[in-house]
PDB file of N, CA and C in Angstrom:
ATOM      1  N   MET A   1       0.818  -1.177   0.000  1.00  0.00           N
ATOM      2  CA  MET A   1       0.000   0.000   0.000  1.00  0.00           C
ATOM      3  C   MET A   1       0.872   1.254   0.000  1.00  0.00           C
ATOM      4  N   THR A   2       2.022   1.226   0.642  1.00  0.00           N
ATOM      5  CA  THR A   2       2.860   2.412   0.792  1.00  0.00           C
ATOM      6  C   THR A   2       3.562   2.783  -0.508  1.00  0.00           C
ATOM      7  N   GLU A   3       3.556   4.084  -0.812  1.00  0.00           N
ATOM      8  CA  GLU A   3       4.247   4.611  -1.983  1.00  0.00           C
ATOM      9  C   GLU A   3       5.193   5.719  -1.561  1.00  0.00           C
ATOM     10  N   GLN A   4       6.171   5.982  -2.398  1.00  0.00           N
ATOM     11  CA  GLN A   4       7.218   6.948  -2.069  1.00  0.00           C
ATOM     12  C   GLN A   4       6.660   8.326  -1.728  1.00  0.00           C
ATOM     13  N   HIS A   5       5.727   8.842  -2.503  1.00  0.00           N
ATOM     14  CA  HIS A   5       5.245  10.211  -2.287  1.00  0.00           C
ATOM     15  C   HIS A   5       3.921  10.291  -1.541  1.00  0.00           C
ATOM     16  N   GLY A   6       3.176   9.195  -1.479  1.00  0.00           N
ATOM     17  CA  GLY A   6       1.883   9.210  -0.800  1.00  0.00           C
ATOM     18  C   GLY A   6       1.899   8.556   0.559  1.00  0.00           C
ATOM     19  N   GLY A   7       3.048   7.943   0.902  1.00  0.00           N
ATOM     20  CA  GLY A   7       3.114   7.230   2.174  1.00  0.00           C
ATOM     21  C   GLY A   7       2.102   6.101   2.199  1.00  0.00           C
ATOM     22  N   SER A   8       1.465   5.911   3.341  1.00  0.00           N
ATOM     23  CA  SER A   8       0.475   4.839   3.446  1.00  0.00           C
ATOM     24  C   SER A   8      -0.950   5.389   3.337  1.00  0.00           C
ATOM     25  N   GLN A   9      -1.114   6.577   2.779  1.00  0.00           N
ATOM     26  CA  GLN A   9      -2.441   7.143   2.545  1.00  0.00           C
ATOM     27  C   GLN A   9      -2.990   6.513   1.265  1.00  0.00           C
ATOM     28  N   VAL A  10      -3.812   5.505   1.418  1.00  0.00           N
ATOM     29  CA  VAL A  10      -4.248   4.696   0.285  1.00  0.00           C
ATOM     30  C   VAL A  10      -4.977   5.525  -0.778  1.00  0.00           C
ATOM     31  N   TYR A  11      -5.682   6.576  -0.386  1.00  0.00           N
ATOM     32  CA  TYR A  11      -6.385   7.394  -1.377  1.00  0.00           C
ATOM     33  C   TYR A  11      -5.445   8.319  -2.144  1.00  0.00           C
ATOM     34  N   ALA A  12      -4.198   8.393  -1.746  1.00  0.00           N
ATOM     35  CA  ALA A  12      -3.211   9.208  -2.460  1.00  0.00           C
ATOM     36  C   ALA A  12      -2.399   8.358  -3.435  1.00  0.00           C
ATOM     37  N   THR A  13      -2.850   7.145  -3.728  1.00  0.00           N
ATOM     38  CA  THR A  13      -2.079   6.234  -4.567  1.00  0.00           C
ATOM     39  C   THR A  13      -1.831   6.806  -5.965  1.00  0.00           C
ATOM     40  N   ALA A  14      -0.615   6.626  -6.439  1.00  0.00           N
ATOM     41  CA  ALA A  14      -0.256   6.997  -7.808  1.00  0.00           C
ATOM     42  C   ALA A  14      -0.247   5.768  -8.710  1.00  0.00           C
ATOM     43  N   THR A  15      -0.407   4.593  -8.134  1.00  0.00           N
ATOM     44  CA  THR A  15      -0.440   3.354  -8.907  1.00  0.00           C
ATOM     45  C   THR A  15      -1.762   3.292  -9.658  1.00  0.00           C
ATOM     46  N   ARG A  16      -1.675   2.999 -10.951  1.00  0.00           N
ATOM     47  CA  ARG A  16      -2.850   3.024 -11.827  1.00  0.00           C
ATOM     48  C   ARG A  16      -3.014   1.720 -12.584  1.00  0.00           C
ATOM     49  N   ALA A  17      -4.247   1.432 -12.971  1.00  0.00           N
ATOM     50  CA  ALA A  17      -4.547   0.292 -13.829  1.00  0.00           C
ATOM     51  C   ALA A  17      -5.252   0.809 -15.076  1.00  0.00           C
ATOM     52  N   THR A  18      -4.842   0.305 -16.231  1.00  0.00           N
ATOM     53  CA  THR A  18      -5.497   0.635 -17.494  1.00  0.00           C
ATOM     54  C   THR A  18      -5.733  -0.658 -18.257  1.00  0.00           C
ATOM     55  N   GLN A  19      -6.794  -0.700 -19.034  1.00  0.00           N
ATOM     56  CA  GLN A  19      -7.073  -1.887 -19.826  1.00  0.00           C
ATOM     57  C   GLN A  19      -6.070  -1.971 -20.968  1.00  0.00           C
ATOM     58  N   ALA A  20      -5.459  -3.153 -21.091  1.00  0.00           N
ATOM     59  CA  ALA A  20      -4.433  -3.363 -22.111  1.00  0.00           C
ATOM     60  C   ALA A  20      -4.962  -4.171 -23.292  1.00  0.00           C
ATOM     61  N   GLY A  21      -6.197  -4.627 -23.232  1.00  0.00           N
ATOM     62  CA  GLY A  21      -6.790  -5.421 -24.302  1.00  0.00           C
ATOM     63  C   GLY A  21      -6.787  -6.897 -23.964  1.00  0.00           C
ATOM     64  N   ASN A  22      -7.603  -7.650 -24.698  1.00  0.00           N
ATOM     65  CA  ASN A  22      -7.710  -9.096 -24.503  1.00  0.00           C
ATOM     66  C   ASN A  22      -8.048  -9.471 -23.068  1.00  0.00           C
ATOM     67  N   GLY A  23      -8.771  -8.598 -22.369  1.00  0.00           N
ATOM     68  CA  GLY A  23      -9.148  -8.890 -20.987  1.00  0.00           C
ATOM     69  C   GLY A  23      -8.027  -8.723 -19.980  1.00  0.00           C
ATOM     70  N   THR A  24      -6.903  -8.140 -20.394  1.00  0.00           N
ATOM     71  CA  THR A  24      -5.774  -7.943 -19.478  1.00  0.00           C
ATOM     72  C   THR A  24      -5.692  -6.480 -19.042  1.00  0.00           C
ATOM     73  N   TRP A  25      -4.956  -6.275 -17.972  1.00  0.00           N
ATOM     74  CA  TRP A  25      -4.775  -4.931 -17.414  1.00  0.00           C
ATOM     75  C   TRP A  25      -3.290  -4.634 -17.276  1.00  0.00           C
ATOM     76  N   LEU A  26      -2.935  -3.361 -17.408  1.00  0.00           N
ATOM     77  CA  LEU A  26      -1.567  -2.896 -17.193  1.00  0.00           C
ATOM     78  C   LEU A  26      -1.570  -2.084 -15.912  1.00  0.00           C
ATOM     79  N   VAL A  27      -0.748  -2.483 -14.953  1.00  0.00           N
ATOM     80  CA  VAL A  27      -0.629  -1.773 -13.683  1.00  0.00           C
ATOM     81  C   VAL A  27       0.711  -1.059 -13.677  1.00  0.00           C
ATOM     82  N   THR A  28       0.686   0.253 -13.400  1.00  0.00           N
ATOM     83  CA  THR A  28       1.916   1.032 -13.339  1.00  0.00           C
ATOM     84  C   THR A  28       2.006   1.715 -11.980  1.00  0.00           C
ATOM     85  N   GLY A  29       3.199   1.717 -11.409  1.00  0.00           N
ATOM     86  CA  GLY A  29       3.411   2.360 -10.127  1.00  0.00           C
ATOM     87  C   GLY A  29       4.478   1.628  -9.328  1.00  0.00           C
ATOM     88  N   THR A  30       4.787   2.183  -8.170  1.00  0.00           N
ATOM     89  CA  THR A  30       5.817   1.622  -7.293  1.00  0.00           C
ATOM     90  C   THR A  30       5.286   1.581  -5.867  1.00  0.00           C
ATOM     91  N   LYS A  31       5.490   0.469  -5.205  1.00  0.00           N
ATOM     92  CA  LYS A  31       5.129   0.317  -3.795  1.00  0.00           C
ATOM     93  C   LYS A  31       6.416   0.120  -2.995  1.00  0.00           C
ATOM     94  N   THR A  32       6.432   0.553  -1.742  1.00  0.00           N
ATOM     95  CA  THR A  32       7.611   0.403  -0.894  1.00  0.00           C
ATOM     96  C   THR A  32       7.229  -0.210   0.451  1.00  0.00           C
ATOM     97  N   TRP A  33       8.237  -0.662   1.186  1.00  0.00           N
ATOM     98  CA  TRP A  33       8.083  -1.250   2.511  1.00  0.00           C
ATOM     99  C   TRP A  33       7.134  -2.445   2.485  1.00  0.00           C
ATOM    100  N   ILE A  34       7.411  -3.395   1.601  1.00  0.00           N
ATOM    101  CA  ILE A  34       6.577  -4.582   1.459  1.00  0.00           C
ATOM    102  C   ILE A  34       7.246  -5.740   2.184  1.00  0.00           C
ATOM    103  N   SER A  35       6.676  -6.156   3.285  1.00  0.00           N
ATOM    104  CA  SER A  35       7.239  -7.266   4.054  1.00  0.00           C
ATOM    105  C   SER A  35       6.997  -8.588   3.352  1.00  0.00           C
ATOM    106  N   ARG A  36       7.991  -9.448   3.384  1.00  0.00           N
ATOM    107  CA  ARG A  36       7.927 -10.802   2.823  1.00  0.00           C
ATOM    108  C   ARG A  36       7.674 -10.821   1.313  1.00  0.00           C
ATOM    109  N   LEU A  37       8.051  -9.778   0.618  1.00  0.00           N
ATOM    110  CA  LEU A  37       7.845  -9.699  -0.827  1.00  0.00           C
ATOM    111  C   LEU A  37       8.525 -10.834  -1.568  1.00  0.00           C
ATOM    112  N   THR A  38       9.706 -11.208  -1.151  1.00  0.00           N
ATOM    113  CA  THR A  38      10.449 -12.255  -1.857  1.00  0.00           C
ATOM    114  C   THR A  38       9.845 -13.638  -1.663  1.00  0.00           C
ATOM    115  N   GLU A  39       8.950 -13.797  -0.697  1.00  0.00           N
ATOM    116  CA  GLU A  39       8.335 -15.090  -0.415  1.00  0.00           C
ATOM    117  C   GLU A  39       6.923 -15.219  -0.966  1.00  0.00           C
ATOM    118  N   ALA A  40       6.332 -14.121  -1.423  1.00  0.00           N
ATOM    119  CA  ALA A  40       4.932 -14.125  -1.853  1.00  0.00           C
ATOM    120  C   ALA A  40       4.750 -14.746  -3.230  1.00  0.00           C
ATOM    121  N   ALA A  41       3.624 -15.431  -3.421  1.00  0.00           N
ATOM    122  CA  ALA A  41       3.253 -15.989  -4.721  1.00  0.00           C
ATOM    123  C   ALA A  41       2.329 -15.027  -5.472  1.00  0.00           C
ATOM    124  N   VAL A  42       1.557 -14.236  -4.728  1.00  0.00           N
ATOM    125  CA  VAL A  42       0.679 -13.220  -5.305  1.00  0.00           C
ATOM    126  C   VAL A  42       0.744 -11.968  -4.437  1.00  0.00           C
ATOM    127  N   PHE A  43       0.368 -10.839  -5.021  1.00  0.00           N
ATOM    128  CA  PHE A  43       0.328  -9.569  -4.296  1.00  0.00           C
ATOM    129  C   PHE A  43      -1.068  -8.975  -4.409  1.00  0.00           C
ATOM    130  N   CYS A  44      -1.583  -8.434  -3.326  1.00  0.00           N
ATOM    131  CA  CYS A  44      -2.816  -7.665  -3.339  1.00  0.00           C
ATOM    132  C   CYS A  44      -2.391  -6.202  -3.365  1.00  0.00           C
ATOM    133  N   VAL A  45      -2.657  -5.531  -4.487  1.00  0.00           N
ATOM    134  CA  VAL A  45      -2.157  -4.177  -4.711  1.00  0.00           C
ATOM    135  C   VAL A  45      -3.330  -3.197  -4.750  1.00  0.00           C
ATOM    136  N   PHE A  46      -3.273  -2.157  -3.930  1.00  0.00           N
ATOM    137  CA  PHE A  46      -4.273  -1.093  -3.973  1.00  0.00           C
ATOM    138  C   PHE A  46      -3.860  -0.111  -5.061  1.00  0.00           C
ATOM    139  N   LEU A  47      -4.839   0.276  -5.899  1.00  0.00           N
ATOM    140  CA  LEU A  47      -4.535   1.143  -7.032  1.00  0.00           C
ATOM    141  C   LEU A  47      -5.776   1.916  -7.453  1.00  0.00           C
ATOM    142  N   ALA A  48      -5.588   2.865  -8.351  1.00  0.00           N
ATOM    143  CA  ALA A  48      -6.696   3.646  -8.879  1.00  0.00           C
ATOM    144  C   ALA A  48      -7.160   3.024 -10.188  1.00  0.00           C
ATOM    145  N   ALA A  49      -8.470   2.822 -10.301  1.00  0.00           N
ATOM    146  CA  ALA A  49      -9.080   2.306 -11.528  1.00  0.00           C
ATOM    147  C   ALA A  49      -9.122   3.430 -12.567  1.00  0.00           C
ATOM    148  N   PRO A  50      -9.413   3.104 -13.830  1.00  0.00           N
ATOM    149  CA  PRO A  50      -9.480   4.142 -14.863  1.00  0.00           C
ATOM    150  C   PRO A  50     -10.444   5.284 -14.535  1.00  0.00           C
ATOM    151  N   ASP A  51     -11.499   5.006 -13.784  1.00  0.00           N
ATOM    152  CA  ASP A  51     -12.447   6.067 -13.421  1.00  0.00           C
ATOM    153  C   ASP A  51     -12.031   6.821 -12.166  1.00  0.00           C
ATOM    154  N   GLY A  52     -10.836   6.501 -11.617  1.00  0.00           N
ATOM    155  CA  GLY A  52     -10.305   7.198 -10.451  1.00  0.00           C
ATOM    156  C   GLY A  52     -10.670   6.579  -9.119  1.00  0.00           C
ATOM    157  N   ARG A  53     -11.592   5.613  -9.119  1.00  0.00           N
ATOM    158  CA  ARG A  53     -11.977   4.977  -7.856  1.00  0.00           C
ATOM    159  C   ARG A  53     -10.868   4.066  -7.347  1.00  0.00           C
ATOM    160  N   LEU A  54     -10.778   3.959  -6.032  1.00  0.00           N
ATOM    161  CA  LEU A  54      -9.816   3.065  -5.399  1.00  0.00           C
ATOM    162  C   LEU A  54     -10.297   1.628  -5.543  1.00  0.00           C
ATOM    163  N   THR A  55      -9.387   0.745  -5.924  1.00  0.00           N
ATOM    164  CA  THR A  55      -9.714  -0.663  -6.051  1.00  0.00           C
ATOM    165  C   THR A  55      -8.470  -1.474  -5.685  1.00  0.00           C
ATOM    166  N   ALA A  56      -8.563  -2.768  -5.795  1.00  0.00           N
ATOM    167  CA  ALA A  56      -7.427  -3.636  -5.503  1.00  0.00           C
ATOM    168  C   ALA A  56      -7.323  -4.687  -6.600  1.00  0.00           C
ATOM    169  N   ALA A  57      -6.120  -5.169  -6.822  1.00  0.00           N
ATOM    170  CA  ALA A  57      -5.892  -6.223  -7.808  1.00  0.00           C
ATOM    171  C   ALA A  57      -4.978  -7.273  -7.190  1.00  0.00           C
ATOM    172  N   VAL A  58      -5.213  -8.519  -7.558  1.00  0.00           N
ATOM    173  CA  VAL A  58      -4.331  -9.607  -7.156  1.00  0.00           C
ATOM    174  C   VAL A  58      -3.415  -9.870  -8.341  1.00  0.00           C
ATOM    175  N   ILE A  59      -2.099  -9.749  -8.115  1.00  0.00           N
ATOM    176  CA  ILE A  59      -1.107  -9.868  -9.182  1.00  0.00           C
ATOM    177  C   ILE A  59      -0.175 -11.033  -8.893  1.00  0.00           C
ATOM    178  N   ASP A  60       0.013 -11.884  -9.877  1.00  0.00           N
ATOM    179  CA  ASP A  60       0.922 -13.022  -9.767  1.00  0.00           C
ATOM    180  C   ASP A  60       2.350 -12.496  -9.593  1.00  0.00           C
ATOM    181  N   ALA A  61       3.082 -13.049  -8.658  1.00  0.00           N
ATOM    182  CA  ALA A  61       4.457 -12.612  -8.386  1.00  0.00           C
ATOM    183  C   ALA A  61       5.389 -12.845  -9.570  1.00  0.00           C
ATOM    184  N   ARG A  62       4.977 -13.716 -10.518  1.00  0.00           N
ATOM    185  CA  ARG A  62       5.807 -13.994 -11.691  1.00  0.00           C
ATOM    186  C   ARG A  62       5.387 -13.179 -12.909  1.00  0.00           C
ATOM    187  N   ALA A  63       4.529 -12.173 -12.720  1.00  0.00           N
ATOM    188  CA  ALA A  63       4.006 -11.387 -13.834  1.00  0.00           C
ATOM    189  C   ALA A  63       5.137 -10.676 -14.589  1.00  0.00           C
ATOM    190  N   ASP A  64       4.985 -10.637 -15.913  1.00  0.00           N
ATOM    191  CA  ASP A  64       5.955  -9.922 -16.748  1.00  0.00           C
ATOM    192  C   ASP A  64       6.020  -8.461 -16.334  1.00  0.00           C
ATOM    193  N   GLY A  65       7.225  -7.921 -16.270  1.00  0.00           N
ATOM    194  CA  GLY A  65       7.417  -6.513 -15.964  1.00  0.00           C
ATOM    195  C   GLY A  65       7.503  -6.170 -14.489  1.00  0.00           C
ATOM    196  N   LEU A  66       7.252  -7.129 -13.621  1.00  0.00           N
ATOM    197  CA  LEU A  66       7.321  -6.885 -12.183  1.00  0.00           C
ATOM    198  C   LEU A  66       8.767  -6.999 -11.720  1.00  0.00           C
ATOM    199  N   SER A  67       9.243  -5.987 -11.020  1.00  0.00           N
ATOM    200  CA  SER A  67      10.604  -6.059 -10.483  1.00  0.00           C
ATOM    201  C   SER A  67      10.545  -5.845  -8.971  1.00  0.00           C
ATOM    202  N   ARG A  68      11.498  -6.461  -8.279  1.00  0.00           N
ATOM    203  CA  ARG A  68      11.563  -6.379  -6.822  1.00  0.00           C
ATOM    204  C   ARG A  68      12.982  -6.006  -6.411  1.00  0.00           C
ATOM    205  N   HIS A  69      13.085  -5.199  -5.362  1.00  0.00           N
ATOM    206  CA  HIS A  69      14.378  -4.754  -4.871  1.00  0.00           C
ATOM    207  C   HIS A  69      14.390  -4.831  -3.349  1.00  0.00           C
ATOM    208  N   LEU A  70      15.333  -5.565  -2.810  1.00  0.00           N
ATOM    209  CA  LEU A  70      15.452  -5.729  -1.365  1.00  0.00           C
ATOM    210  C   LEU A  70      15.994  -4.454  -0.737  1.00  0.00           C
ATOM    211  N   ILE A  71      15.350  -3.995   0.337  1.00  0.00           N
ATOM    212  CA  ILE A  71      15.844  -2.859   1.107  1.00  0.00           C
ATOM    213  C   ILE A  71      16.829  -3.414   2.118  1.00  0.00           C
ATOM    214  N   THR A  72      18.058  -3.012   2.022  1.00  0.00           N
ATOM    215  CA  THR A  72      19.100  -3.584   2.872  1.00  0.00           C
ATOM    216  C   THR A  72      19.066  -2.994   4.276  1.00  0.00           C
ATOM    217  N   ARG A  73      19.665  -3.712   5.196  1.00  0.00           N
ATOM    218  CA  ARG A  73      19.760  -3.218   6.574  1.00  0.00           C
ATOM    219  C   ARG A  73      20.565  -1.933   6.619  1.00  0.00           C
ATOM    220  N   ARG A  74      21.524  -1.791   5.714  1.00  0.00           N
ATOM    221  CA  ARG A  74      22.328  -0.579   5.668  1.00  0.00           C
ATOM    222  C   ARG A  74      21.467   0.629   5.306  1.00  0.00           C
ATOM    223  N   ALA A  75      20.507   0.438   4.388  1.00  0.00           N
ATOM    224  CA  ALA A  75      19.630   1.529   3.962  1.00  0.00           C
ATOM    225  C   ALA A  75      18.654   1.939   5.053  1.00  0.00           C
ATOM    226  N   CYS A  76      18.232   0.982   5.871  1.00  0.00           N
ATOM    227  CA  CYS A  76      17.279   1.258   6.941  1.00  0.00           C
ATOM    228  C   CYS A  76      17.501   0.235   8.052  1.00  0.00           C
ATOM    229  N   PRO A  77      18.412   0.501   8.953  1.00  0.00           N
ATOM    230  CA  PRO A  77      18.818  -0.498   9.939  1.00  0.00           C
ATOM    231  C   PRO A  77      17.846  -0.740  11.092  1.00  0.00           C
ATOM    232  N   ASP A  78      16.873   0.117  11.304  1.00  0.00           N
ATOM    233  CA  ASP A  78      16.020   0.011  12.487  1.00  0.00           C
ATOM    234  C   ASP A  78      14.865  -0.964  12.310  1.00  0.00           C
ATOM    235  N   GLY A  79      14.948  -2.121  12.941  1.00  0.00           N
ATOM    236  CA  GLY A  79      13.835  -3.032  13.028  1.00  0.00           C
ATOM    237  C   GLY A  79      13.577  -3.915  11.821  1.00  0.00           C
ATOM    238  N   LEU A  80      14.401  -3.889  10.802  1.00  0.00           N
ATOM    239  CA  LEU A  80      14.139  -4.691   9.624  1.00  0.00           C
ATOM    240  C   LEU A  80      14.865  -6.024   9.634  1.00  0.00           C
ATOM    241  N   GLY A  81      15.621  -6.304  10.670  1.00  0.00           N
ATOM    242  CA  GLY A  81      16.386  -7.544  10.709  1.00  0.00           C
ATOM    243  C   GLY A  81      15.533  -8.794  10.778  1.00  0.00           C
ATOM    244  N   ALA A  82      14.329  -8.704  11.282  1.00  0.00           N
ATOM    245  CA  ALA A  82      13.477  -9.873  11.448  1.00  0.00           C
ATOM    246  C   ALA A  82      12.597 -10.150  10.241  1.00  0.00           C
ATOM    247  N   SER A  83      12.601  -9.252   9.258  1.00  0.00           N
ATOM    248  CA  SER A  83      11.693  -9.396   8.138  1.00  0.00           C
ATOM    249  C   SER A  83      12.376  -8.973   6.846  1.00  0.00           C
ATOM    250  N   CYS A  84      12.131  -9.717   5.780  1.00  0.00           N
ATOM    251  CA  CYS A  84      12.641  -9.368   4.468  1.00  0.00           C
ATOM    252  C   CYS A  84      11.729  -8.276   3.915  1.00  0.00           C
ATOM    253  N   THR A  85      12.215  -7.047   3.817  1.00  0.00           N
ATOM    254  CA  THR A  85      11.397  -5.921   3.385  1.00  0.00           C
ATOM    255  C   THR A  85      11.929  -5.409   2.056  1.00  0.00           C
ATOM    256  N   SER A  86      11.009  -5.098   1.148  1.00  0.00           N
ATOM    257  CA  SER A  86      11.401  -4.785  -0.221  1.00  0.00           C
ATOM    258  C   SER A  86      10.554  -3.689  -0.818  1.00  0.00           C
ATOM    259  N   THR A  87      10.859  -3.359  -2.066  1.00  0.00           N
ATOM    260  CA  THR A  87      10.070  -2.434  -2.859  1.00  0.00           C
ATOM    261  C   THR A  87       9.777  -3.097  -4.192  1.00  0.00           C
ATOM    262  N   ALA A  88       8.638  -2.793  -4.777  1.00  0.00           N
ATOM    263  CA  ALA A  88       8.269  -3.357  -6.082  1.00  0.00           C
ATOM    264  C   ALA A  88       7.658  -2.282  -6.948  1.00  0.00           C
TER     265      ALA A  88
END
């Protein structure tokens, strides 16, 4: 839910979904501070629908175009040692 510029204010999400054709959707945006991201098989992502309403999507962790980056203890040493925390 957390984004770089909106924090955890879900209604301030910059992540968007647009119809890509053939019944598929294109999701664009970046989320941060995602616990256990490297272990997840699917993600529940809060985003804005084409009409601007807040909605959620379940995204396969193996989806094309999805990238993940581990936040290292050096980048944020306080309290992250017990959990694998990442950004996507």
